[in-house]
Amino acid sequence: MTRTRPPRGLLWPVVLLSACSSAPADVEPLVGPPTAATTPELSAWSDRAAGSTAPADAVEAVTGPDPAVAALATYLREQALAVNAGTADPEAVPAFTASVTVAARDWALPLLAANLGDRMPGPYPVGVLAGERRGDDVAVLSICLQDRGWQVDRDTGRPLGPEHFGTATATVRRVGDRWLVDDVVADGGACAAGDVVREVF
């Protein structure tokens, strides 16, 4: 499942879950290609090398200690809770809406609405492979995400398709005293189950 939107400033279309193979995806991701023009030089932030397959502090890879990493985990968790509640109404999912920037709501709420109907056993499995800072208020995270085979049929409890893992880049911004997800863009790379952390409700 793929959706693109026009570029916003220096940011390209957003992806939560990317269709990185020709197999049909089980959820509606937003996909856009990163380009050299949209990827300025960034200062090093993480000691982990991009593409690392080490389980690397599995829990810390998703929950922090960095506040930008914790913000990404919060976004994914609130998304799963909203899908399970069966609503994309911003008034009914204030914790989800509060996990993203105002600009990100333009893609995050339609993405949420497109994924209603099935059940999520927990947040999409994710792992941070590397990260960099762009000044004091922006973190760019290289992530591995299970983009297929995680949602389950609400009636049967069976996964909707085989597991698939792909890499993406998440941009997280500090807005006031909070870190919020601003963009998640598929980059077409491969990763594996050992790169992500699974949380089940």
N, C-alpha and C. Protein backbone atom coordinates (compact mmCIF):
# COMPACT_ATOMS: atom_id res chain seq x y z
N MET A 1 0.84 -1.17 0.00
CA MET A 1 0.00 0.00 0.00
C MET A 1 0.88 1.23 0.00
N THR A 2 0.59 2.08 -0.92
CA THR A 2 1.42 3.24 -1.10
C THR A 2 0.56 4.48 -1.30
N ARG A 3 0.96 5.57 -0.72
CA ARG A 3 0.32 6.86 -0.95
C ARG A 3 1.42 7.90 -0.92
N THR A 4 1.35 8.85 -1.82
CA THR A 4 2.30 9.94 -1.80
C THR A 4 1.54 11.24 -1.67
N ARG A 5 2.24 12.26 -1.24
CA ARG A 5 1.66 13.59 -1.16
C ARG A 5 2.71 14.57 -1.66
N PRO A 6 2.30 15.79 -2.06
CA PRO A 6 3.29 16.74 -2.54
C PRO A 6 4.30 17.06 -1.45
N PRO A 7 5.54 17.43 -1.83
CA PRO A 7 6.56 17.75 -0.83
C PRO A 7 6.13 18.94 0.02
N ARG A 8 6.51 18.91 1.30
CA ARG A 8 6.22 19.99 2.23
C ARG A 8 7.56 20.58 2.62
N GLY A 9 7.89 21.74 2.10
CA GLY A 9 9.18 22.33 2.40
C GLY A 9 10.27 21.40 1.91
N LEU A 10 11.17 21.02 2.79
CA LEU A 10 12.25 20.11 2.42
C LEU A 10 11.89 18.65 2.68
N LEU A 11 10.65 18.40 3.16
CA LEU A 11 10.25 17.03 3.50
C LEU A 11 9.47 16.42 2.35
N TRP A 12 9.72 15.11 2.12
CA TRP A 12 8.97 14.38 1.11
C TRP A 12 7.83 13.65 1.75
N PRO A 13 6.99 12.98 0.97
CA PRO A 13 5.84 12.26 1.50
C PRO A 13 6.24 11.29 2.60
N VAL A 14 5.28 11.07 3.45
CA VAL A 14 5.50 10.33 4.68
C VAL A 14 5.11 8.88 4.54
N VAL A 15 5.81 8.05 5.28
CA VAL A 15 5.51 6.64 5.29
C VAL A 15 5.46 6.18 6.71
N LEU A 16 4.46 5.47 7.07
CA LEU A 16 4.54 4.78 8.34
C LEU A 16 4.96 3.37 8.02
N LEU A 17 4.33 2.79 7.06
CA LEU A 17 4.59 1.40 6.69
C LEU A 17 4.83 1.39 5.21
N SER A 18 5.97 0.90 4.77
CA SER A 18 6.28 0.98 3.36
C SER A 18 6.06 -0.34 2.67
N ALA A 19 5.59 -0.29 1.44
CA ALA A 19 5.48 -1.50 0.64
C ALA A 19 6.80 -1.67 -0.08
N CYS A 20 7.69 -2.43 0.50
CA CYS A 20 9.05 -2.55 -0.03
C CYS A 20 9.21 -3.75 -0.95
N SER A 21 8.16 -4.49 -1.19
CA SER A 21 8.23 -5.59 -2.14
C SER A 21 6.99 -5.56 -3.00
N SER A 22 6.87 -6.49 -3.92
CA SER A 22 5.71 -6.49 -4.80
C SER A 22 4.50 -7.16 -4.16
N ALA A 23 4.67 -7.79 -2.99
CA ALA A 23 3.55 -8.44 -2.32
C ALA A 23 2.60 -7.37 -1.79
N PRO A 24 1.29 -7.64 -1.78
CA PRO A 24 0.35 -6.64 -1.27
C PRO A 24 0.54 -6.44 0.23
N ALA A 25 0.43 -5.21 0.66
CA ALA A 25 0.58 -4.88 2.07
C ALA A 25 -0.77 -4.99 2.76
N ASP A 26 -0.76 -5.11 4.09
CA ASP A 26 -1.99 -5.27 4.83
C ASP A 26 -2.48 -3.98 5.46
N VAL A 27 -1.76 -2.91 5.30
CA VAL A 27 -2.16 -1.61 5.83
C VAL A 27 -1.82 -0.53 4.82
N GLU A 28 -2.27 0.66 5.04
CA GLU A 28 -2.11 1.76 4.10
C GLU A 28 -0.92 2.64 4.46
N PRO A 29 0.29 2.38 3.92
CA PRO A 29 1.42 3.23 4.24
C PRO A 29 1.46 4.46 3.34
N LEU A 30 2.20 5.44 3.76
CA LEU A 30 2.46 6.63 2.97
C LEU A 30 3.91 6.53 2.54
N VAL A 31 4.18 6.58 1.25
CA VAL A 31 5.54 6.35 0.78
C VAL A 31 6.01 7.51 -0.08
N GLY A 32 7.25 7.89 0.10
CA GLY A 32 7.87 8.89 -0.75
C GLY A 32 9.36 8.71 -0.75
N PRO A 33 10.00 8.90 -1.90
CA PRO A 33 11.43 8.66 -1.98
C PRO A 33 12.23 9.81 -1.39
N PRO A 34 13.18 9.52 -0.50
CA PRO A 34 14.06 10.58 -0.06
C PRO A 34 15.03 10.91 -1.20
N THR A 35 15.47 12.12 -1.26
CA THR A 35 16.43 12.51 -2.28
C THR A 35 17.62 13.17 -1.61
N ALA A 36 18.72 13.28 -2.34
CA ALA A 36 19.90 13.94 -1.79
C ALA A 36 19.58 15.36 -1.37
N ALA A 37 18.70 16.02 -2.11
CA ALA A 37 18.36 17.40 -1.78
C ALA A 37 17.61 17.52 -0.48
N THR A 38 16.93 16.45 -0.05
CA THR A 38 16.16 16.52 1.18
C THR A 38 16.89 15.88 2.35
N THR A 39 18.14 15.49 2.15
CA THR A 39 18.89 14.83 3.21
C THR A 39 20.20 15.59 3.47
N PRO A 40 20.12 16.74 4.17
CA PRO A 40 21.33 17.51 4.42
C PRO A 40 22.28 16.78 5.36
N GLU A 41 23.52 17.23 5.36
CA GLU A 41 24.51 16.64 6.27
C GLU A 41 24.04 16.81 7.71
N LEU A 42 24.15 15.76 8.48
CA LEU A 42 23.72 15.78 9.87
C LEU A 42 24.87 15.39 10.76
N SER A 43 24.84 15.85 12.00
CA SER A 43 25.90 15.47 12.94
C SER A 43 25.58 14.12 13.55
N ALA A 44 26.60 13.37 13.89
CA ALA A 44 26.41 12.02 14.45
C ALA A 44 25.68 12.11 15.78
N TRP A 45 24.80 11.17 15.99
CA TRP A 45 24.03 11.15 17.24
C TRP A 45 24.10 9.79 17.92
N SER A 46 24.21 8.72 17.15
CA SER A 46 24.18 7.38 17.72
C SER A 46 25.45 6.64 17.39
N ASP A 47 25.89 5.76 18.28
CA ASP A 47 27.05 4.93 18.02
C ASP A 47 26.69 3.72 17.18
N ARG A 48 25.41 3.43 17.03
CA ARG A 48 24.99 2.27 16.23
C ARG A 48 25.15 2.57 14.77
N ALA A 49 25.67 1.67 14.04
CA ALA A 49 25.84 1.86 12.60
C ALA A 49 24.52 1.56 11.89
N ALA A 50 24.23 2.32 10.86
CA ALA A 50 23.03 2.06 10.06
C ALA A 50 23.15 0.66 9.48
N GLY A 51 22.05 -0.08 9.52
CA GLY A 51 22.05 -1.43 8.97
C GLY A 51 22.50 -2.48 9.96
N SER A 52 22.83 -2.11 11.17
CA SER A 52 23.26 -3.08 12.17
C SER A 52 22.14 -4.08 12.42
N THR A 53 22.49 -5.35 12.52
CA THR A 53 21.46 -6.35 12.81
C THR A 53 21.55 -6.86 14.24
N ALA A 54 22.40 -6.24 15.03
CA ALA A 54 22.50 -6.65 16.44
C ALA A 54 21.22 -6.28 17.16
N PRO A 55 20.75 -7.14 18.10
CA PRO A 55 19.54 -6.81 18.83
C PRO A 55 19.71 -5.52 19.62
N ALA A 56 20.94 -5.12 19.85
CA ALA A 56 21.34 -3.84 20.41
C ALA A 56 20.37 -3.21 21.36
N ASP A 57 20.54 -3.55 22.59
CA ASP A 57 19.76 -2.90 23.64
C ASP A 57 18.30 -2.84 23.23
N ALA A 58 17.73 -3.98 22.93
CA ALA A 58 16.42 -4.06 22.30
C ALA A 58 15.39 -3.11 22.90
N VAL A 59 15.23 -3.12 24.20
CA VAL A 59 14.22 -2.24 24.79
C VAL A 59 14.63 -0.79 24.63
N GLU A 60 15.90 -0.48 24.88
CA GLU A 60 16.36 0.89 24.75
C GLU A 60 16.24 1.37 23.31
N ALA A 61 16.36 0.47 22.35
CA ALA A 61 16.26 0.86 20.95
C ALA A 61 14.91 1.47 20.63
N VAL A 62 13.89 1.14 21.39
CA VAL A 62 12.57 1.68 21.13
C VAL A 62 12.16 2.72 22.15
N THR A 63 12.56 2.59 23.39
CA THR A 63 12.03 3.48 24.41
C THR A 63 12.96 4.62 24.80
N GLY A 64 14.16 4.62 24.35
CA GLY A 64 15.03 5.74 24.71
C GLY A 64 16.36 5.22 25.12
N PRO A 65 17.17 6.00 25.79
CA PRO A 65 16.81 7.11 26.66
C PRO A 65 16.55 8.41 25.92
N ASP A 66 16.84 8.48 24.63
CA ASP A 66 16.68 9.72 23.91
C ASP A 66 15.19 10.07 23.78
N PRO A 67 14.81 11.32 24.05
CA PRO A 67 13.40 11.69 23.98
C PRO A 67 12.81 11.60 22.57
N ALA A 68 13.63 11.75 21.54
CA ALA A 68 13.12 11.60 20.18
C ALA A 68 12.74 10.15 19.89
N VAL A 69 13.54 9.22 20.38
CA VAL A 69 13.24 7.80 20.21
C VAL A 69 11.97 7.45 20.99
N ALA A 70 11.86 7.97 22.20
CA ALA A 70 10.65 7.73 23.00
C ALA A 70 9.42 8.31 22.31
N ALA A 71 9.56 9.45 21.63
CA ALA A 71 8.43 10.06 20.92
C ALA A 71 7.96 9.17 19.77
N LEU A 72 8.90 8.55 19.05
CA LEU A 72 8.52 7.63 17.97
C LEU A 72 7.77 6.43 18.55
N ALA A 73 8.25 5.89 19.65
CA ALA A 73 7.57 4.75 20.29
C ALA A 73 6.17 5.14 20.75
N THR A 74 6.02 6.34 21.28
CA THR A 74 4.70 6.82 21.73
C THR A 74 3.75 6.94 20.55
N TYR A 75 4.23 7.50 19.45
CA TYR A 75 3.41 7.63 18.25
C TYR A 75 2.89 6.26 17.79
N LEU A 76 3.79 5.28 17.68
CA LEU A 76 3.39 3.96 17.20
C LEU A 76 2.41 3.29 18.17
N ARG A 77 2.65 3.47 19.46
CA ARG A 77 1.75 2.88 20.46
C ARG A 77 0.35 3.51 20.38
N GLU A 78 0.31 4.83 20.31
CA GLU A 78 -0.99 5.52 20.25
C GLU A 78 -1.72 5.21 18.95
N GLN A 79 -0.98 5.01 17.87
CA GLN A 79 -1.60 4.62 16.62
C GLN A 79 -2.28 3.26 16.76
N ALA A 80 -1.58 2.31 17.36
CA ALA A 80 -2.15 0.97 17.53
C ALA A 80 -3.39 1.01 18.43
N LEU A 81 -3.33 1.78 19.49
CA LEU A 81 -4.49 1.89 20.38
C LEU A 81 -5.69 2.51 19.66
N ALA A 82 -5.44 3.51 18.81
CA ALA A 82 -6.52 4.14 18.06
C ALA A 82 -7.11 3.18 17.03
N VAL A 83 -6.26 2.41 16.35
CA VAL A 83 -6.76 1.42 15.39
C VAL A 83 -7.66 0.43 16.12
N ASN A 84 -7.22 -0.04 17.28
CA ASN A 84 -8.02 -1.01 18.03
C ASN A 84 -9.32 -0.41 18.55
N ALA A 85 -9.31 0.90 18.83
CA ALA A 85 -10.54 1.57 19.26
C ALA A 85 -11.48 1.82 18.09
N GLY A 86 -10.96 1.71 16.87
CA GLY A 86 -11.80 1.84 15.68
C GLY A 86 -12.17 3.26 15.33
N THR A 87 -11.31 4.23 15.66
CA THR A 87 -11.65 5.61 15.33
C THR A 87 -10.43 6.41 14.90
N ALA A 88 -10.67 7.30 13.94
CA ALA A 88 -9.63 8.24 13.51
C ALA A 88 -10.09 9.68 13.77
N ASP A 89 -11.15 9.82 14.55
CA ASP A 89 -11.64 11.15 14.91
C ASP A 89 -10.63 11.79 15.85
N PRO A 90 -10.03 12.92 15.46
CA PRO A 90 -9.01 13.55 16.30
C PRO A 90 -9.48 13.83 17.73
N GLU A 91 -10.77 14.13 17.88
CA GLU A 91 -11.31 14.41 19.22
C GLU A 91 -11.36 13.14 20.08
N ALA A 92 -11.50 11.98 19.42
CA ALA A 92 -11.60 10.72 20.14
C ALA A 92 -10.23 10.10 20.42
N VAL A 93 -9.18 10.58 19.75
CA VAL A 93 -7.84 10.02 19.93
C VAL A 93 -6.84 11.14 20.25
N PRO A 94 -7.07 11.89 21.34
CA PRO A 94 -6.21 13.04 21.62
C PRO A 94 -4.75 12.65 21.89
N ALA A 95 -4.51 11.49 22.46
CA ALA A 95 -3.12 11.08 22.73
C ALA A 95 -2.39 10.79 21.41
N PHE A 96 -3.10 10.22 20.44
CA PHE A 96 -2.49 9.99 19.12
C PHE A 96 -2.20 11.33 18.46
N THR A 97 -3.18 12.20 18.41
CA THR A 97 -3.01 13.50 17.78
C THR A 97 -1.88 14.29 18.43
N ALA A 98 -1.74 14.16 19.74
CA ALA A 98 -0.70 14.88 20.48
C ALA A 98 0.69 14.29 20.26
N SER A 99 0.79 13.13 19.61
CA SER A 99 2.10 12.51 19.40
C SER A 99 2.78 12.96 18.11
N VAL A 100 2.07 13.77 17.30
CA VAL A 100 2.62 14.23 16.03
C VAL A 100 2.56 15.75 15.95
N THR A 101 3.38 16.34 15.07
CA THR A 101 3.33 17.78 14.86
C THR A 101 2.02 18.14 14.17
N VAL A 102 1.67 19.41 14.21
CA VAL A 102 0.46 19.88 13.54
C VAL A 102 0.53 19.54 12.05
N ALA A 103 1.67 19.77 11.42
CA ALA A 103 1.83 19.46 9.99
C ALA A 103 1.67 17.97 9.72
N ALA A 104 2.14 17.12 10.63
CA ALA A 104 2.06 15.67 10.42
C ALA A 104 0.63 15.15 10.49
N ARG A 105 -0.26 15.88 11.10
CA ARG A 105 -1.65 15.43 11.17
C ARG A 105 -2.26 15.28 9.79
N ASP A 106 -1.73 16.03 8.80
CA ASP A 106 -2.24 15.94 7.43
C ASP A 106 -2.07 14.55 6.84
N TRP A 107 -1.06 13.81 7.26
CA TRP A 107 -0.88 12.44 6.78
C TRP A 107 -1.21 11.40 7.84
N ALA A 108 -1.00 11.74 9.11
CA ALA A 108 -1.17 10.74 10.16
C ALA A 108 -2.64 10.36 10.37
N LEU A 109 -3.54 11.32 10.33
CA LEU A 109 -4.95 10.99 10.54
C LEU A 109 -5.55 10.21 9.37
N PRO A 110 -5.28 10.58 8.09
CA PRO A 110 -5.76 9.74 6.99
C PRO A 110 -5.15 8.34 7.02
N LEU A 111 -3.88 8.23 7.40
CA LEU A 111 -3.25 6.91 7.50
C LEU A 111 -3.96 6.08 8.56
N LEU A 112 -4.24 6.69 9.69
CA LEU A 112 -4.96 6.00 10.76
C LEU A 112 -6.32 5.53 10.25
N ALA A 113 -7.06 6.41 9.59
CA ALA A 113 -8.40 6.06 9.08
C ALA A 113 -8.33 4.89 8.09
N ALA A 114 -7.29 4.86 7.27
CA ALA A 114 -7.14 3.80 6.27
C ALA A 114 -6.85 2.44 6.90
N ASN A 115 -6.41 2.43 8.15
CA ASN A 115 -6.04 1.17 8.81
C ASN A 115 -7.09 0.67 9.79
N LEU A 116 -8.22 1.35 9.88
CA LEU A 116 -9.27 0.90 10.80
C LEU A 116 -9.90 -0.38 10.26
N GLY A 117 -10.39 -1.20 11.17
CA GLY A 117 -11.08 -2.42 10.78
C GLY A 117 -10.39 -3.67 11.28
N ASP A 118 -9.08 -3.70 11.19
CA ASP A 118 -8.35 -4.85 11.69
C ASP A 118 -7.90 -4.57 13.13
N ARG A 119 -7.15 -5.48 13.71
CA ARG A 119 -6.68 -5.30 15.08
C ARG A 119 -5.17 -5.33 15.11
N MET A 120 -4.61 -4.55 15.99
CA MET A 120 -3.16 -4.53 16.16
C MET A 120 -2.83 -5.14 17.52
N PRO A 121 -2.01 -6.19 17.54
CA PRO A 121 -1.67 -6.83 18.81
C PRO A 121 -0.75 -5.97 19.67
N GLY A 122 -0.24 -4.90 19.10
CA GLY A 122 0.65 -3.96 19.79
C GLY A 122 1.10 -2.95 18.77
N PRO A 123 1.99 -2.03 19.13
CA PRO A 123 2.52 -1.09 18.15
C PRO A 123 3.29 -1.84 17.06
N TYR A 124 3.37 -1.24 15.88
CA TYR A 124 4.20 -1.86 14.85
C TYR A 124 5.59 -2.09 15.41
N PRO A 125 6.13 -3.30 15.25
CA PRO A 125 7.49 -3.58 15.73
C PRO A 125 8.50 -2.66 15.03
N VAL A 126 9.34 -2.04 15.83
CA VAL A 126 10.30 -1.07 15.30
C VAL A 126 11.61 -1.19 16.06
N GLY A 127 12.67 -0.83 15.41
CA GLY A 127 13.98 -0.75 16.05
C GLY A 127 14.75 0.41 15.44
N VAL A 128 15.48 1.12 16.26
CA VAL A 128 16.29 2.24 15.78
C VAL A 128 17.66 1.70 15.41
N LEU A 129 18.04 1.86 14.14
CA LEU A 129 19.32 1.38 13.66
C LEU A 129 20.42 2.43 13.86
N ALA A 130 20.07 3.68 13.72
CA ALA A 130 21.02 4.79 13.89
C ALA A 130 20.22 6.07 14.04
N GLY A 131 20.89 7.11 14.45
CA GLY A 131 20.22 8.40 14.58
C GLY A 131 21.21 9.54 14.50
N GLU A 132 20.71 10.67 14.06
CA GLU A 132 21.54 11.86 13.96
C GLU A 132 20.73 13.06 14.40
N ARG A 133 21.42 14.09 14.86
CA ARG A 133 20.77 15.34 15.25
C ARG A 133 20.99 16.38 14.17
N ARG A 134 19.98 17.16 13.94
CA ARG A 134 20.06 18.32 13.06
C ARG A 134 19.76 19.52 13.95
N GLY A 135 20.79 20.04 14.59
CA GLY A 135 20.59 21.11 15.56
C GLY A 135 20.03 20.56 16.86
N ASP A 136 19.48 21.45 17.66
CA ASP A 136 18.95 21.06 18.97
C ASP A 136 17.53 20.51 18.92
N ASP A 137 16.80 20.78 17.84
CA ASP A 137 15.37 20.50 17.84
C ASP A 137 14.90 19.47 16.83
N VAL A 138 15.81 18.80 16.14
CA VAL A 138 15.41 17.80 15.14
C VAL A 138 16.30 16.57 15.29
N ALA A 139 15.68 15.41 15.34
CA ALA A 139 16.40 14.13 15.32
C ALA A 139 15.92 13.36 14.10
N VAL A 140 16.87 12.76 13.39
CA VAL A 140 16.54 11.93 12.23
C VAL A 140 16.98 10.51 12.57
N LEU A 141 16.00 9.60 12.62
CA LEU A 141 16.24 8.22 13.05
C LEU A 141 16.15 7.27 11.86
N SER A 142 17.15 6.43 11.71
CA SER A 142 17.08 5.35 10.74
C SER A 142 16.46 4.17 11.46
N ILE A 143 15.33 3.67 10.96
CA ILE A 143 14.60 2.63 11.68
C ILE A 143 14.34 1.41 10.81
N CYS A 144 14.12 0.30 11.49
CA CYS A 144 13.60 -0.91 10.86
C CYS A 144 12.17 -1.06 11.37
N LEU A 145 11.25 -1.34 10.47
CA LEU A 145 9.84 -1.42 10.82
C LEU A 145 9.24 -2.67 10.20
N GLN A 146 8.48 -3.42 10.99
CA GLN A 146 7.71 -4.53 10.39
C GLN A 146 6.51 -3.88 9.72
N ASP A 147 6.53 -3.83 8.40
CA ASP A 147 5.51 -3.10 7.67
C ASP A 147 4.38 -3.98 7.15
N ARG A 148 4.50 -5.29 7.29
CA ARG A 148 3.42 -6.20 6.92
C ARG A 148 3.41 -7.41 7.83
N GLY A 149 2.22 -8.00 7.95
CA GLY A 149 2.10 -9.22 8.74
C GLY A 149 1.98 -8.99 10.23
N TRP A 150 1.71 -7.76 10.65
CA TRP A 150 1.56 -7.48 12.09
C TRP A 150 0.09 -7.34 12.45
N GLN A 151 -0.68 -6.58 11.65
CA GLN A 151 -2.10 -6.46 11.93
C GLN A 151 -2.75 -7.83 11.76
N VAL A 152 -3.80 -8.06 12.55
CA VAL A 152 -4.50 -9.34 12.49
C VAL A 152 -5.97 -9.11 12.20
N ASP A 153 -6.59 -10.13 11.63
CA ASP A 153 -8.02 -10.08 11.38
C ASP A 153 -8.74 -10.02 12.72
N ARG A 154 -9.65 -9.09 12.85
CA ARG A 154 -10.36 -8.88 14.11
C ARG A 154 -11.16 -10.11 14.52
N ASP A 155 -11.68 -10.87 13.55
CA ASP A 155 -12.50 -12.04 13.85
C ASP A 155 -11.69 -13.30 14.10
N THR A 156 -10.67 -13.54 13.27
CA THR A 156 -9.93 -14.80 13.37
C THR A 156 -8.65 -14.70 14.19
N GLY A 157 -8.12 -13.48 14.34
CA GLY A 157 -6.86 -13.30 15.05
C GLY A 157 -5.65 -13.69 14.23
N ARG A 158 -5.85 -14.01 12.95
CA ARG A 158 -4.73 -14.42 12.09
C ARG A 158 -4.06 -13.19 11.47
N PRO A 159 -2.73 -13.24 11.33
CA PRO A 159 -2.02 -12.13 10.67
C PRO A 159 -2.52 -11.94 9.25
N LEU A 160 -2.54 -10.70 8.81
CA LEU A 160 -2.97 -10.37 7.46
C LEU A 160 -1.77 -10.39 6.53
N GLY A 161 -1.33 -11.56 6.18
CA GLY A 161 -0.22 -11.71 5.26
C GLY A 161 1.07 -12.08 5.98
N PRO A 162 2.10 -12.39 5.19
CA PRO A 162 3.39 -12.78 5.75
C PRO A 162 4.14 -11.56 6.30
N GLU A 163 5.06 -11.83 7.22
CA GLU A 163 5.87 -10.76 7.80
C GLU A 163 6.79 -10.16 6.75
N HIS A 164 6.97 -8.86 6.84
CA HIS A 164 7.93 -8.15 5.99
C HIS A 164 8.51 -7.00 6.80
N PHE A 165 9.81 -6.78 6.63
CA PHE A 165 10.51 -5.72 7.36
C PHE A 165 11.18 -4.80 6.36
N GLY A 166 11.13 -3.49 6.60
CA GLY A 166 11.76 -2.52 5.73
C GLY A 166 12.32 -1.37 6.54
N THR A 167 13.26 -0.66 5.95
CA THR A 167 13.85 0.48 6.64
C THR A 167 13.13 1.77 6.25
N ALA A 168 13.23 2.74 7.13
CA ALA A 168 12.60 4.05 6.92
C ALA A 168 13.40 5.07 7.71
N THR A 169 13.11 6.32 7.45
CA THR A 169 13.72 7.43 8.17
C THR A 169 12.61 8.20 8.87
N ALA A 170 12.73 8.36 10.18
CA ALA A 170 11.75 9.12 10.96
C ALA A 170 12.36 10.45 11.37
N THR A 171 11.62 11.51 11.14
CA THR A 171 12.03 12.84 11.59
C THR A 171 11.18 13.20 12.80
N VAL A 172 11.85 13.53 13.88
CA VAL A 172 11.18 13.88 15.14
C VAL A 172 11.64 15.28 15.51
N ARG A 173 10.68 16.16 15.84
CA ARG A 173 10.99 17.56 16.15
C ARG A 173 10.61 17.90 17.57
N ARG A 174 11.42 18.77 18.17
CA ARG A 174 11.06 19.31 19.49
C ARG A 174 10.18 20.53 19.24
N VAL A 175 8.99 20.51 19.84
CA VAL A 175 8.05 21.61 19.75
C VAL A 175 7.79 22.04 21.19
N GLY A 176 8.33 23.18 21.57
CA GLY A 176 8.27 23.59 22.97
C GLY A 176 9.12 22.63 23.79
N ASP A 177 8.50 21.99 24.77
CA ASP A 177 9.24 21.04 25.61
C ASP A 177 8.94 19.58 25.26
N ARG A 178 8.27 19.34 24.13
CA ARG A 178 7.90 17.97 23.74
C ARG A 178 8.52 17.60 22.41
N TRP A 179 8.86 16.33 22.26
CA TRP A 179 9.33 15.78 20.99
C TRP A 179 8.15 15.10 20.31
N LEU A 180 7.93 15.42 19.02
CA LEU A 180 6.79 14.92 18.27
C LEU A 180 7.24 14.37 16.92
N VAL A 181 6.57 13.32 16.45
CA VAL A 181 6.87 12.76 15.14
C VAL A 181 6.39 13.74 14.07
N ASP A 182 7.27 14.03 13.10
CA ASP A 182 6.94 14.94 12.03
C ASP A 182 6.85 14.24 10.68
N ASP A 183 7.64 13.21 10.47
CA ASP A 183 7.68 12.55 9.18
C ASP A 183 8.26 11.15 9.36
N VAL A 184 7.79 10.20 8.55
CA VAL A 184 8.38 8.87 8.49
C VAL A 184 8.39 8.48 7.01
N VAL A 185 9.58 8.30 6.45
CA VAL A 185 9.72 8.10 5.01
C VAL A 185 10.42 6.78 4.73
N ALA A 186 9.80 5.94 3.92
CA ALA A 186 10.44 4.68 3.51
C ALA A 186 11.66 4.98 2.68
N ASP A 187 12.73 4.19 2.88
CA ASP A 187 13.91 4.39 2.05
C ASP A 187 14.26 3.14 1.25
N GLY A 188 13.39 2.14 1.29
CA GLY A 188 13.53 0.97 0.43
C GLY A 188 14.55 -0.06 0.87
N GLY A 189 15.17 0.14 2.03
CA GLY A 189 16.16 -0.81 2.50
C GLY A 189 15.54 -2.03 3.16
N ALA A 190 16.35 -3.06 3.31
CA ALA A 190 15.89 -4.29 3.95
C ALA A 190 16.44 -4.37 5.37
N CYS A 191 15.69 -4.96 6.24
CA CYS A 191 16.14 -5.26 7.60
C CYS A 191 15.42 -6.54 8.01
N ALA A 192 15.58 -6.94 9.26
CA ALA A 192 15.08 -8.26 9.65
C ALA A 192 14.41 -8.23 11.02
N ALA A 193 13.76 -9.34 11.35
CA ALA A 193 13.05 -9.46 12.62
C ALA A 193 13.95 -9.17 13.81
N GLY A 194 15.23 -9.51 13.71
CA GLY A 194 16.15 -9.26 14.81
C GLY A 194 16.45 -7.80 15.06
N ASP A 195 16.02 -6.92 14.14
CA ASP A 195 16.27 -5.49 14.28
C ASP A 195 15.15 -4.75 15.01
N VAL A 196 14.05 -5.42 15.26
CA VAL A 196 12.90 -4.73 15.86
C VAL A 196 12.59 -5.28 17.25
N VAL A 197 11.82 -4.50 17.97
CA VAL A 197 11.33 -4.89 19.29
C VAL A 197 9.82 -5.03 19.17
N ARG A 198 9.30 -6.15 19.65
CA ARG A 198 7.85 -6.37 19.62
C ARG A 198 7.28 -6.10 21.00
N GLU A 199 6.21 -5.35 21.01
CA GLU A 199 5.45 -5.11 22.24
C GLU A 199 4.03 -5.57 21.97
N VAL A 200 3.50 -6.41 22.84
CA VAL A 200 2.14 -6.92 22.68
C VAL A 200 1.31 -6.38 23.84
N PHE A 201 0.12 -5.88 23.50
CA PHE A 201 -0.78 -5.34 24.53
C PHE A 201 -1.27 -6.44 25.44
